[in-house]
Amino acid sequence: MNCLGACALGPILVVNEEYHGQITIAKTNKVLAALGKKVETDEEA
């Protein structure tokens, strides 16, 4: 794994090149739920 250069945002989650800083379990669940909704929408199109 390479350095993300975002120590001030840590812990950090990167999904599809989008940084999600100061991540918690609750925030991770929100990010994944939003990603799931986006996938569903993309599949419907």
Protein backbone atom coordinates (compact mmCIF):
# COMPACT_ATOMS: atom_id res chain seq x y z
CA MET A 1 0.00 0.00 0.00
CA ASN A 2 1.23 3.47 -0.85
CA CYS A 3 1.05 6.57 1.30
CA LEU A 4 -2.21 8.48 0.78
CA GLY A 5 -0.70 11.76 1.95
CA ALA A 6 -3.67 12.46 4.18
CA CYS A 7 -2.50 11.79 7.73
CA ALA A 8 -4.58 14.66 9.11
CA LEU A 9 -7.73 12.91 7.88
CA GLY A 10 -6.89 9.53 9.39
CA PRO A 11 -8.19 7.00 9.77
CA ILE A 12 -9.11 7.18 6.11
CA LEU A 13 -11.11 5.12 3.65
CA VAL A 14 -10.68 5.55 -0.11
CA VAL A 15 -13.44 4.34 -2.42
CA ASN A 16 -13.29 5.00 -6.16
CA GLU A 17 -10.56 7.62 -5.59
CA GLU A 18 -12.77 9.52 -3.10
CA TYR A 19 -11.28 10.12 0.34
CA HIS A 20 -13.46 9.66 3.43
CA GLY A 21 -11.58 11.04 6.42
CA GLN A 22 -11.88 10.45 10.16
CA ILE A 23 -13.74 7.28 9.29
CA THR A 24 -15.69 5.32 11.88
CA ILE A 25 -17.68 2.13 11.60
CA ALA A 26 -20.88 4.18 11.29
CA LYS A 27 -19.38 6.37 8.54
CA THR A 28 -18.08 3.28 6.76
CA ASN A 29 -21.57 1.79 6.78
CA LYS A 30 -22.99 5.03 5.30
CA VAL A 31 -20.35 5.10 2.56
CA LEU A 32 -20.99 1.47 1.66
CA ALA A 33 -24.77 1.97 1.70
CA ALA A 34 -24.45 4.97 -0.63
CA LEU A 35 -22.17 2.98 -2.90
CA GLY A 36 -24.70 0.15 -2.97
CA LYS A 37 -27.46 2.60 -3.95
CA LYS A 38 -25.24 3.99 -6.72
CA VAL A 39 -24.56 0.48 -8.03
CA GLU A 40 -28.30 -0.30 -8.04
CA THR A 41 -29.03 2.94 -9.90
CA ASP A 42 -26.29 2.29 -12.44
CA GLU A 43 -27.60 -1.22 -13.08
CA GLU A 44 -31.13 0.11 -13.70
CA ALA A 45 -29.92 2.60 -16.33
